[in-house]
C-alpha cells in the first residue's frame, strides 16, 4: 500500500512540475506598431544566428511604448531571446555596412552589444514556475 501511495505521489508531483506555465514578455521602448520578431534559442542553437533558433514568435504590438506579450506554448527551460522590430516588413533584420542593426532590436537580460553579438551565456534566462516574466527594452 505504501508503494502505491508513493508511486501516486511521484506521478502527481511529476505531472505538476512539467505542467505548462505562462511566459510573459514585457517589451518597452516600442516606437511603432511594426511586427516584432522574437526568437527563442536553446544552448545548442547558434545564438543569435537568425534562422538557427529553437522556435520563433511573430507579434504585432497594439500600441507604442510598452506591451506585455503572453505565450502559453513555451516549454519550461533555459533560453536566450533575441528580438527585433521589422520596421519595413521584409522579414529580416536590416543592418548597416558594419553589421549594426538599423531596426530596433533587443536581447534577454537587456544586453547591449558593443562590438559583436552577445554570447548565449550573457543572455540566458530560466523559465519555470518561479520565473515567468521577463523584460526586454528595444535598442534603437
Protein backbone atom coordinates (compact mmCIF):
# COMPACT_ATOMS: atom_id res chain seq x y z
CA UNK A 1 0.00 0.00 0.00
CA UNK A 2 2.83 2.42 0.86
CA UNK A 3 4.47 1.83 -2.52
CA UNK A 4 1.20 2.62 -4.32
CA UNK A 5 0.87 5.89 -2.39
CA UNK A 6 4.50 6.74 -3.11
CA UNK A 7 4.06 5.99 -6.81
CA UNK A 8 0.85 8.04 -6.94
CA UNK A 9 2.58 10.96 -5.19
CA UNK A 10 5.56 10.82 -7.56
CA UNK A 11 3.30 10.74 -10.59
CA UNK A 12 1.22 13.66 -9.30
CA UNK A 13 4.20 15.84 -8.42
CA UNK A 14 5.99 14.89 -11.63
CA UNK A 15 2.95 15.99 -13.62
CA UNK A 16 2.62 19.25 -11.70
CA UNK A 17 6.29 20.06 -12.27
CA UNK A 18 6.08 19.59 -16.06
CA UNK A 19 2.72 21.34 -16.38
CA UNK A 20 2.90 24.27 -18.77
CA UNK A 21 3.48 27.73 -17.37
CA UNK A 22 2.54 31.04 -18.98
CA UNK A 23 5.52 33.01 -20.32
CA UNK A 24 5.20 36.79 -20.10
CA UNK A 25 7.48 39.06 -22.11
CA UNK A 26 7.36 42.78 -21.39
CA UNK A 27 8.81 44.80 -24.26
CA UNK A 28 9.47 48.50 -23.82
CA UNK A 29 10.72 51.40 -25.95
CA UNK A 30 8.43 50.42 -28.85
CA UNK A 31 8.37 53.31 -31.33
CA UNK A 32 5.87 51.90 -33.86
CA UNK A 33 3.35 49.11 -34.28
CA UNK A 34 5.50 47.23 -36.82
CA UNK A 35 5.80 43.47 -36.31
CA UNK A 36 8.06 42.17 -33.54
CA UNK A 37 10.00 39.03 -34.41
CA UNK A 38 11.10 37.08 -31.33
CA UNK A 39 13.47 34.09 -31.43
CA UNK A 40 13.91 31.66 -28.55
CA UNK A 41 17.28 29.90 -28.51
CA UNK A 42 18.36 26.84 -26.57
CA UNK A 43 22.03 26.41 -25.69
CA UNK A 44 22.63 24.08 -28.64
CA UNK A 45 21.38 26.67 -31.16
CA UNK A 46 23.75 29.21 -32.67
CA UNK A 47 22.62 32.25 -30.72
CA UNK A 48 21.82 34.80 -32.07
CA UNK A 49 22.04 33.42 -35.62
CA UNK A 50 18.85 34.26 -37.49
CA UNK A 51 17.26 31.02 -38.66
CA UNK A 52 19.03 28.72 -36.14
CA UNK A 53 16.68 29.29 -33.19
CA UNK A 54 14.63 26.69 -31.32
CA UNK A 55 11.36 28.43 -32.22
CA UNK A 56 10.11 31.90 -33.07
CA UNK A 57 7.10 34.11 -32.49
CA UNK A 58 5.75 36.99 -34.53
CA UNK A 59 3.57 39.62 -32.86
CA UNK A 60 2.16 42.93 -33.99
CA UNK A 61 2.06 45.24 -30.96
CA UNK A 62 -1.21 47.05 -30.39
CA UNK A 63 0.46 50.26 -29.25
CA UNK A 64 3.76 52.08 -28.88
CA UNK A 65 5.62 52.41 -25.59
CA UNK A 66 5.34 49.14 -23.70
CA UNK A 67 3.43 45.90 -24.23
CA UNK A 68 3.31 42.62 -22.34
CA UNK A 69 3.05 39.54 -24.54
CA UNK A 70 1.64 36.29 -23.21
CA UNK A 71 2.73 32.89 -24.53
CA UNK A 72 1.15 29.66 -23.31
CA UNK A 73 3.10 27.26 -25.52
CA UNK A 74 6.68 27.85 -24.35
CA UNK A 75 8.20 24.77 -22.68
CA UNK A 76 9.81 25.33 -19.29
CA UNK A 77 13.59 25.59 -19.66
CA UNK A 78 16.61 27.78 -20.29
CA UNK A 79 16.61 30.20 -23.24
CA UNK A 80 18.29 33.24 -24.69
CA UNK A 81 15.96 35.60 -26.57
CA UNK A 82 16.71 37.88 -29.48
CA UNK A 83 14.09 40.13 -31.00
CA UNK A 84 13.78 42.91 -33.49
CA UNK A 85 11.05 45.13 -34.86
CA UNK A 86 10.66 44.57 -38.58
CA UNK A 87 10.04 48.21 -39.46
CA UNK A 88 9.88 47.67 -43.23
CA UNK A 89 8.20 44.24 -43.19
CA UNK A 90 10.90 42.42 -45.17
CA UNK A 91 11.17 39.58 -42.58
CA UNK A 92 14.86 40.18 -41.88
CA UNK A 93 16.92 42.35 -39.59
CA UNK A 94 18.40 45.14 -41.68
CA UNK A 95 21.93 46.17 -40.76
CA UNK A 96 24.35 48.90 -41.80
CA UNK A 97 27.65 48.36 -43.58
CA UNK A 98 29.42 47.21 -40.38
CA UNK A 99 26.57 44.89 -39.37
CA UNK A 100 24.90 47.02 -36.69
CA UNK A 101 21.07 46.77 -36.78
CA UNK A 102 19.17 49.60 -38.46
CA UNK A 103 15.90 48.42 -36.90
CA UNK A 104 15.03 48.34 -33.18
CA UNK A 105 16.33 45.15 -31.50
CA UNK A 106 16.97 43.64 -28.09
CA UNK A 107 18.19 40.62 -26.15
CA UNK A 108 17.12 38.90 -22.96
CA UNK A 109 18.91 40.26 -19.88
CA UNK A 110 18.89 43.60 -21.80
CA UNK A 111 22.42 43.02 -23.02
CA UNK A 112 23.63 45.88 -25.24
CA UNK A 113 26.21 44.64 -27.71
CA UNK A 114 29.38 46.69 -28.05
CA UNK A 115 31.47 45.29 -30.89
CA UNK A 116 29.83 41.90 -31.52
CA UNK A 117 26.66 39.99 -30.83
CA UNK A 118 26.34 38.83 -27.21
CA UNK A 119 27.01 35.26 -26.14
CA UNK A 120 24.30 32.82 -25.11
CA UNK A 121 25.60 32.79 -21.52
CA UNK A 122 25.18 36.58 -21.23
CA UNK A 123 21.54 36.47 -22.35
CA UNK A 124 20.26 33.21 -20.89
CA UNK A 125 17.12 33.17 -18.76
CA UNK A 126 15.46 30.34 -16.86
CA UNK A 127 11.73 29.94 -17.42
CA UNK A 128 9.97 27.89 -14.72
CA UNK A 129 7.14 28.10 -12.19
CA UNK A 130 9.07 30.72 -10.18
CA UNK A 131 10.32 32.75 -13.19
CA UNK A 132 7.60 33.59 -15.68
CA UNK A 133 8.03 37.28 -16.52
CA UNK A 134 10.92 38.75 -18.50
CA UNK A 135 11.61 42.24 -19.84
CA UNK A 136 13.43 43.49 -22.91
CA UNK A 137 13.97 47.14 -23.78
CA UNK A 138 14.34 47.70 -27.51
CA UNK A 139 17.53 49.41 -28.63
CA UNK A 140 17.03 51.84 -31.49
